[in-house]
Amino acid sequence: MRSRFPAPSLLSYASTLLAGAGLDLDKAITVAGILVEGDLLGHTTHGLQLLGPYLTELENGGMARTGNPVAVAVFPSAITWDGCRLPGPWLVVRALELAASRARKQGVCTVVIRRCHHIACLAAYLRPIAEQGLMVLLTSSDPTCGGVAPHGGRRSVYTPDPLAAAWPTDGEPVILDVSMSIATHGLTKRLHAEGGRFPGLWAVDGEGRPTDDPAALFGENPGALLPMGGIDHGHKGFALGLMVEALTSGLAGIGRADPSEGWTANVFIQVIDPELFGSRDDFVRQTSWLADACRKTPARLGFGRVRLPGEAGLRRRADQLANGIELYPGILEALAPWAEKLGVAQPAP
């Protein structure tokens, strides 16, 4: 059985390491909170697994330690920031606060961020917004790298391009976070490092042959991940990936057509207040009816029951808040050199 760690201990540990690496304290606390929330929800490749790489970026200057975003365009319901390579989680949390405030006055507000750093687990941002009775859409791309082949291709062109959203019901919110590729970079790298395989033919090798071997994406003749939908229906994930690229790099005005600046992200955030449309009560009445109808649908063979998107993550979150977070093996071991270097005590299980 894996050791479990109290969430507050991990939050304190992560924020102390980030602050020790020179990140402003408020930014360190926000970034740590998003990473820990990722682990709470079970997104173990996008939780504290990212803390070591973030510390490396702070050390080598790839992530800015201090400062604020620069406004590129400001309109009542459309805002564009230059993130100036500041920590992605801190920027996204600030942008969500701004978008939610303006959506309550105008019905909708969109914030686009260009040139921010990696934003970690998208699902980690959504619950607080939905619990305010608002709907949120969040998506991101990294214009400095690829990894995913267009449908019918065998070379990587764009990133997994995650798309996340959440909205309220009369119970728990519905929360989705899916990549427009069949797998994420984080899972691919983990399986490759552990000598594992994909559960199916999720990639193509350098010759375009479908494969379940993550090693096919590395080496002198790398292949690529397939779009969501895989060999048969990858045209759907490909189309959605192009849409994400348009919402992020397209609207941001900086992306793949420009020189690479290192690990970065372009982000699209939109918050909608149903109260200024058909009314918040009617919105929840509709979403709740559908959620209830889905849950009551008889399960097919192999399924105990129908679950809504985000339901398993919220159950896992509640359990881990009560009983401690079960970290994926190797995460604390990988952080030990940083803890020693920065003089921070490792958390106790």
Protein backbone atom coordinates (compact mmCIF):
# COMPACT_ATOMS: atom_id res chain seq x y z
CA MET A 1 0.00 0.00 0.00
CA ARG A 2 1.29 3.46 -0.90
CA SER A 3 1.87 6.02 1.83
CA ARG A 4 -0.66 8.82 2.19
CA PHE A 5 0.17 12.42 3.04
CA PRO A 6 -2.07 15.15 4.48
CA ALA A 7 -2.98 17.67 1.79
CA PRO A 8 -1.95 20.68 3.94
CA SER A 9 1.51 19.14 4.44
CA LEU A 10 2.00 18.69 0.72
CA LEU A 11 0.74 22.21 0.05
CA SER A 12 3.20 23.63 2.58
CA TYR A 13 6.03 21.49 1.19
CA ALA A 14 5.42 22.51 -2.42
CA SER A 15 4.93 26.20 -1.71
CA THR A 16 8.07 26.32 0.48
CA LEU A 17 10.13 24.71 -2.28
CA LEU A 18 8.79 27.14 -4.89
CA ALA A 19 9.39 30.15 -2.66
CA GLY A 20 12.85 28.83 -1.84
CA ALA A 21 13.56 28.75 -5.58
CA GLY A 22 12.76 32.48 -5.73
CA LEU A 23 9.10 32.55 -6.72
CA ASP A 24 7.00 35.29 -5.12
CA LEU A 25 5.23 33.83 -2.07
CA ASP A 26 1.68 34.49 -3.33
CA LYS A 27 2.55 32.84 -6.63
CA ALA A 28 4.21 29.91 -4.85
CA ILE A 29 1.09 29.27 -2.74
CA THR A 30 -1.20 29.43 -5.78
CA VAL A 31 0.97 27.14 -7.91
CA ALA A 32 1.34 24.64 -5.06
CA GLY A 33 -2.42 24.66 -4.54
CA ILE A 34 -3.15 23.79 -8.17
CA LEU A 35 -0.54 21.00 -8.19
CA VAL A 36 -1.92 19.47 -5.00
CA GLU A 37 -5.47 19.80 -6.34
CA GLY A 38 -4.39 17.83 -9.40
CA ASP A 39 -3.24 14.97 -7.18
CA LEU A 40 -6.40 15.20 -5.08
CA LEU A 41 -8.47 14.65 -8.22
CA GLY A 42 -6.26 11.75 -9.31
CA HIS A 43 -4.44 13.45 -12.20
CA THR A 44 -1.10 12.15 -10.98
CA THR A 45 0.87 13.09 -14.11
CA HIS A 46 -0.22 16.72 -13.69
CA GLY A 47 0.08 17.18 -9.94
CA LEU A 48 3.25 17.24 -7.86
CA GLN A 49 4.92 15.25 -10.64
CA LEU A 50 5.37 18.69 -12.26
CA LEU A 51 6.98 20.35 -9.24
CA GLY A 52 10.52 19.21 -10.08
CA PRO A 53 10.33 20.46 -13.69
CA TYR A 54 8.85 23.77 -12.46
CA LEU A 55 11.73 24.19 -10.01
CA THR A 56 14.18 23.52 -12.83
CA GLU A 57 12.48 26.19 -14.94
CA LEU A 58 12.71 28.69 -12.07
CA GLU A 59 16.39 27.90 -11.67
CA ASN A 60 17.28 28.27 -15.35
CA GLY A 61 15.09 31.32 -15.96
CA GLY A 62 12.50 29.58 -18.08
CA MET A 63 9.78 30.57 -15.61
CA ALA A 64 9.61 34.17 -14.38
CA ARG A 65 9.84 34.51 -10.60
CA THR A 66 8.14 37.86 -10.15
CA GLY A 67 5.99 40.39 -11.99
CA ASN A 68 2.53 40.73 -13.48
CA PRO A 69 0.93 40.09 -16.87
CA VAL A 70 0.84 42.87 -19.42
CA ALA A 71 -2.49 43.85 -20.94
CA VAL A 72 -2.43 43.51 -24.73
CA ALA A 73 -6.12 44.25 -25.28
CA VAL A 74 -8.86 45.18 -22.81
CA PHE A 75 -12.54 45.32 -23.68
CA PRO A 76 -15.55 44.75 -21.40
CA SER A 77 -15.85 41.05 -22.27
CA ALA A 78 -12.60 40.31 -24.15
CA ILE A 79 -9.18 40.60 -22.55
CA THR A 80 -5.76 39.50 -23.77
CA TRP A 81 -2.73 39.25 -21.50
CA ASP A 82 0.92 38.68 -22.23
CA GLY A 83 1.86 36.26 -19.46
CA CYS A 84 5.55 37.22 -19.62
CA ARG A 85 6.45 33.58 -18.84
CA LEU A 86 4.98 33.84 -15.34
CA PRO A 87 3.73 30.64 -13.66
CA GLY A 88 0.70 29.37 -15.55
CA PRO A 89 -1.36 28.33 -12.49
CA TRP A 90 -1.05 31.77 -10.92
CA LEU A 91 -2.02 33.51 -14.17
CA VAL A 92 -5.00 31.23 -14.80
CA VAL A 93 -6.36 31.67 -11.26
CA ARG A 94 -6.10 35.47 -11.61
CA ALA A 95 -7.71 35.38 -15.06
CA LEU A 96 -10.59 33.23 -13.80
CA GLU A 97 -11.26 35.70 -10.99
CA LEU A 98 -11.39 38.55 -13.50
CA ALA A 99 -13.54 36.64 -15.98
CA ALA A 100 -16.02 35.56 -13.28
CA SER A 101 -16.36 39.13 -12.00
CA ARG A 102 -17.07 40.52 -15.45
CA ALA A 103 -19.35 37.64 -16.47
CA ARG A 104 -21.67 38.50 -13.58
CA LYS A 105 -22.13 41.95 -15.13
CA GLN A 106 -22.09 41.09 -18.85
CA GLY A 107 -23.11 37.45 -19.06
CA VAL A 108 -19.81 36.29 -20.50
CA CYS A 109 -16.15 37.22 -20.34
CA THR A 110 -13.20 35.71 -22.21
CA VAL A 111 -9.55 36.06 -21.20
CA VAL A 112 -6.79 34.87 -23.51
CA ILE A 113 -3.23 34.56 -22.20
CA ARG A 114 -0.19 34.28 -24.40
CA ARG A 115 3.35 33.41 -23.37
CA CYS A 116 2.52 32.09 -19.92
CA HIS A 117 4.24 29.05 -18.47
CA HIS A 118 2.69 25.56 -18.25
CA ILE A 119 -0.71 25.53 -16.49
CA ALA A 120 -0.72 21.97 -15.00
CA CYS A 121 -4.04 20.12 -14.54
CA LEU A 122 -6.96 21.97 -16.14
CA ALA A 123 -9.57 20.22 -14.00
CA ALA A 124 -7.92 21.65 -10.87
CA TYR A 125 -9.29 25.14 -11.62
CA LEU A 126 -12.92 24.36 -12.36
CA ARG A 127 -14.82 23.31 -9.23
CA PRO A 128 -14.66 26.72 -7.46
CA ILE A 129 -16.08 28.47 -10.54
CA ALA A 130 -18.95 26.00 -11.04
CA GLU A 131 -19.79 26.18 -7.34
CA GLN A 132 -20.45 29.90 -7.84
CA GLY A 133 -23.23 28.98 -10.28
CA LEU A 134 -21.11 29.83 -13.31
CA MET A 135 -20.07 27.84 -16.36
CA VAL A 136 -16.40 27.80 -17.36
CA LEU A 137 -14.44 26.71 -20.42
CA LEU A 138 -10.65 26.37 -20.27
CA THR A 139 -8.23 25.15 -22.90
CA SER A 140 -4.52 25.46 -23.62
CA SER A 141 -1.78 24.59 -26.07
CA ASP A 142 2.01 24.74 -26.09
CA PRO A 143 3.17 26.27 -29.39
CA THR A 144 6.79 25.30 -28.73
CA CYS A 145 6.30 21.55 -29.12
CA GLY A 146 4.24 18.88 -30.86
CA GLY A 147 3.65 15.22 -30.07
CA VAL A 148 0.36 14.62 -31.88
CA ALA A 149 -0.04 13.74 -35.56
CA PRO A 150 -2.93 15.10 -37.61
CA HIS A 151 -5.38 12.38 -38.66
CA GLY A 152 -3.77 10.39 -41.45
CA GLY A 153 -0.27 11.71 -40.69
CA ARG A 154 2.78 10.14 -39.05
CA ARG A 155 4.69 13.17 -37.76
CA SER A 156 3.80 15.31 -34.75
CA VAL A 157 2.49 18.80 -35.43
CA TYR A 158 0.63 20.05 -32.35
CA THR A 159 0.21 19.27 -28.64
CA PRO A 160 -2.49 17.16 -26.93
CA ASP A 161 -4.50 20.40 -26.53
CA PRO A 162 -6.63 19.69 -23.45
CA LEU A 163 -10.15 21.06 -23.25
CA ALA A 164 -11.86 21.43 -19.88
CA ALA A 165 -15.25 22.72 -18.77
CA ALA A 166 -17.54 22.69 -15.76
CA TRP A 167 -21.08 23.76 -14.92
CA PRO A 168 -23.42 23.53 -11.95
CA THR A 169 -26.27 21.14 -11.28
CA ASP A 170 -28.46 20.90 -8.16
CA GLY A 171 -25.82 18.51 -6.79
CA GLU A 172 -22.15 18.28 -7.70
CA PRO A 173 -20.92 20.13 -10.77
CA VAL A 174 -20.16 18.32 -14.00
CA ILE A 175 -16.40 18.59 -14.63
CA LEU A 176 -14.62 17.43 -17.76
CA ASP A 177 -10.95 17.55 -18.72
CA VAL A 178 -10.01 15.70 -21.90
CA SER A 179 -7.14 15.90 -24.34
CA MET A 180 -7.72 16.15 -28.06
CA SER A 181 -5.10 13.40 -28.39
CA ILE A 182 -5.63 9.81 -27.30
CA ALA A 183 -3.05 10.22 -24.49
CA THR A 184 -1.17 13.02 -22.76
CA HIS A 185 2.55 13.76 -22.88
CA GLY A 186 2.72 13.09 -19.14
CA LEU A 187 1.32 9.57 -19.43
CA THR A 188 3.44 8.84 -22.50
CA LYS A 189 6.66 9.86 -20.76
CA ARG A 190 5.74 7.91 -17.62
CA LEU A 191 4.98 4.71 -19.54
CA HIS A 192 8.17 5.10 -21.57
CA ALA A 193 10.27 5.56 -18.42
CA GLU A 194 8.66 2.52 -16.79
CA GLY A 195 8.87 0.31 -19.86
CA GLY A 196 5.09 0.13 -20.10
CA ARG A 197 2.72 0.02 -23.06
CA PHE A 198 -0.39 1.91 -24.04
CA PRO A 199 -3.66 0.01 -23.50
CA GLY A 200 -4.20 0.03 -27.25
CA LEU A 201 -2.82 1.28 -30.57
CA TRP A 202 -2.59 4.87 -29.39
CA ALA A 203 0.36 6.01 -31.50
CA VAL A 204 2.11 5.55 -34.82
CA ASP A 205 5.83 4.90 -35.21
CA GLY A 206 8.12 6.83 -37.53
CA GLU A 207 6.94 4.75 -40.50
CA GLY A 208 3.28 5.39 -39.74
CA ARG A 209 2.50 1.95 -38.31
CA PRO A 210 0.00 1.87 -35.41
CA THR A 211 1.65 0.83 -32.15
CA ASP A 212 1.07 0.50 -28.42
CA ASP A 213 4.74 1.19 -27.62
CA PRO A 214 5.47 4.66 -26.16
CA ALA A 215 9.14 4.20 -27.16
CA ALA A 216 8.04 4.76 -30.75
CA LEU A 217 7.68 8.47 -29.94
CA PHE A 218 11.33 8.79 -28.96
CA GLY A 219 14.62 8.24 -30.76
CA GLU A 220 15.98 9.20 -34.17
CA ASN A 221 12.80 8.49 -36.13
CA PRO A 222 9.98 9.39 -33.73
CA GLY A 223 6.35 8.76 -34.44
CA ALA A 224 3.46 10.57 -32.79
CA LEU A 225 0.40 10.19 -30.63
CA LEU A 226 -2.88 9.73 -32.46
CA PRO A 227 -5.70 12.26 -32.11
CA MET A 228 -8.60 11.42 -29.82
CA GLY A 229 -10.60 8.74 -31.63
CA GLY A 230 -7.53 6.80 -32.69
CA ILE A 231 -7.05 4.99 -35.98
CA ASP A 232 -10.75 4.80 -36.83
CA HIS A 233 -12.22 8.07 -35.59
CA GLY A 234 -9.20 10.32 -35.15
CA HIS A 235 -10.65 12.86 -37.58
CA LYS A 236 -12.86 14.03 -34.69
CA GLY A 237 -10.00 14.64 -32.26
CA PHE A 238 -7.98 16.23 -35.07
CA ALA A 239 -10.77 18.72 -35.81
CA LEU A 240 -11.19 19.55 -32.13
CA GLY A 241 -7.42 19.98 -31.76
CA LEU A 242 -7.43 22.53 -34.57
CA MET A 243 -10.23 24.38 -32.79
CA VAL A 244 -8.21 24.47 -29.55
CA GLU A 245 -5.21 25.83 -31.46
CA ALA A 246 -7.42 28.58 -32.94
CA LEU A 247 -8.86 29.52 -29.52
CA THR A 248 -5.43 29.63 -27.88
CA SER A 249 -2.60 30.57 -30.24
CA GLY A 250 -4.95 32.02 -32.85
CA LEU A 251 -6.70 34.45 -30.52
CA ALA A 252 -3.50 35.13 -28.58
CA GLY A 253 -1.77 36.17 -31.79
CA ILE A 254 1.45 34.30 -30.95
CA GLY A 255 2.03 30.64 -31.62
CA ARG A 256 3.52 28.04 -33.92
CA ALA A 257 4.16 30.53 -36.71
CA ASP A 258 6.64 32.34 -34.43
CA PRO A 259 10.09 31.39 -33.05
CA SER A 260 10.11 29.04 -30.06
CA GLU A 261 10.65 30.59 -26.62
CA GLY A 262 10.85 27.40 -24.57
CA TRP A 263 8.24 25.59 -22.46
CA THR A 264 5.19 27.83 -22.58
CA ALA A 265 1.43 27.91 -22.97
CA ASN A 266 -1.30 29.89 -24.67
CA VAL A 267 -4.60 29.78 -22.79
CA PHE A 268 -8.27 30.43 -23.53
CA ILE A 269 -10.61 31.08 -20.58
CA GLN A 270 -14.31 31.83 -20.82
CA VAL A 271 -16.76 32.23 -17.94
CA ILE A 272 -20.51 32.37 -18.54
CA ASP A 273 -23.16 33.47 -16.04
CA PRO A 274 -26.44 31.67 -16.85
CA GLU A 275 -28.33 34.30 -14.85
CA LEU A 276 -27.95 36.74 -17.75
CA PHE A 277 -29.29 34.22 -20.27
CA GLY A 278 -32.29 32.01 -19.54
CA SER A 279 -31.71 32.44 -15.74
CA ARG A 280 -29.50 30.48 -13.38
CA ASP A 281 -32.44 28.57 -11.92
CA ASP A 282 -33.57 27.36 -15.33
CA PHE A 283 -29.99 26.48 -16.28
CA VAL A 284 -29.63 24.29 -13.21
CA ARG A 285 -33.08 22.79 -13.77
CA GLN A 286 -32.02 21.66 -17.24
CA THR A 287 -28.54 20.42 -16.32
CA SER A 288 -29.89 18.59 -13.28
CA TRP A 289 -32.62 16.82 -15.25
CA LEU A 290 -30.08 15.51 -17.75
CA ALA A 291 -27.58 14.54 -15.06
CA ASP A 292 -30.27 12.62 -13.19
CA ALA A 293 -31.50 10.92 -16.36
CA CYS A 294 -27.97 9.80 -17.21
CA ARG A 295 -27.38 8.39 -13.72
CA LYS A 296 -30.67 6.47 -13.88
CA THR A 297 -29.88 4.91 -17.24
CA PRO A 298 -29.43 1.13 -16.91
CA ALA A 299 -25.73 0.24 -17.10
CA ARG A 300 -24.44 -1.90 -19.96
CA LEU A 301 -22.36 -5.02 -19.49
CA GLY A 302 -19.13 -4.30 -17.64
CA PHE A 303 -20.33 -1.11 -15.96
CA GLY A 304 -21.73 -0.92 -12.45
CA ARG A 305 -23.57 2.32 -13.17
CA VAL A 306 -23.45 5.46 -15.27
CA ARG A 307 -21.13 8.14 -13.90
CA LEU A 308 -21.00 11.77 -14.94
CA PRO A 309 -17.74 13.45 -15.99
CA GLY A 310 -15.78 14.47 -12.93
CA GLU A 311 -17.74 12.30 -10.50
CA ALA A 312 -14.90 9.85 -9.86
CA GLY A 313 -12.44 12.69 -9.36
CA LEU A 314 -14.66 14.40 -6.81
CA ARG A 315 -15.07 11.08 -4.90
CA ARG A 316 -11.31 10.62 -4.94
CA ARG A 317 -10.80 14.21 -3.80
CA ALA A 318 -13.12 13.78 -0.82
CA ASP A 319 -11.41 10.53 0.20
CA GLN A 320 -7.92 11.99 -0.07
CA LEU A 321 -8.82 15.14 1.83
CA ALA A 322 -10.08 12.93 4.64
CA ASN A 323 -7.44 10.19 4.54
CA GLY A 324 -4.39 11.72 2.88
CA ILE A 325 -3.14 11.95 -0.69
CA GLU A 326 -1.73 8.78 -2.21
CA LEU A 327 1.19 10.07 -4.27
CA TYR A 328 2.35 8.19 -7.33
CA PRO A 329 5.59 6.25 -6.64
CA GLY A 330 8.79 8.17 -7.17
CA ILE A 331 7.42 11.71 -6.86
CA LEU A 332 8.87 12.51 -3.43
CA GLU A 333 12.09 10.67 -4.27
CA ALA A 334 12.51 12.88 -7.35
CA LEU A 335 11.96 15.99 -5.21
CA ALA A 336 14.43 14.92 -2.48
CA PRO A 337 17.47 16.62 -4.12
CA TRP A 338 15.50 19.88 -4.33
CA ALA A 339 14.45 19.56 -0.69
CA GLU A 340 18.06 19.03 0.35
CA LYS A 341 19.30 21.87 -1.84
CA LEU A 342 16.71 24.34 -0.54
CA GLY A 343 16.75 23.12 3.06
CA VAL A 344 13.13 21.97 3.16
CA ALA A 345 12.05 18.97 5.23
CA GLN A 346 10.22 16.20 3.38
CA PRO A 347 6.59 15.73 4.47
CA ALA A 348 5.85 12.80 6.76
CA PRO A 349 3.23 10.21 5.75
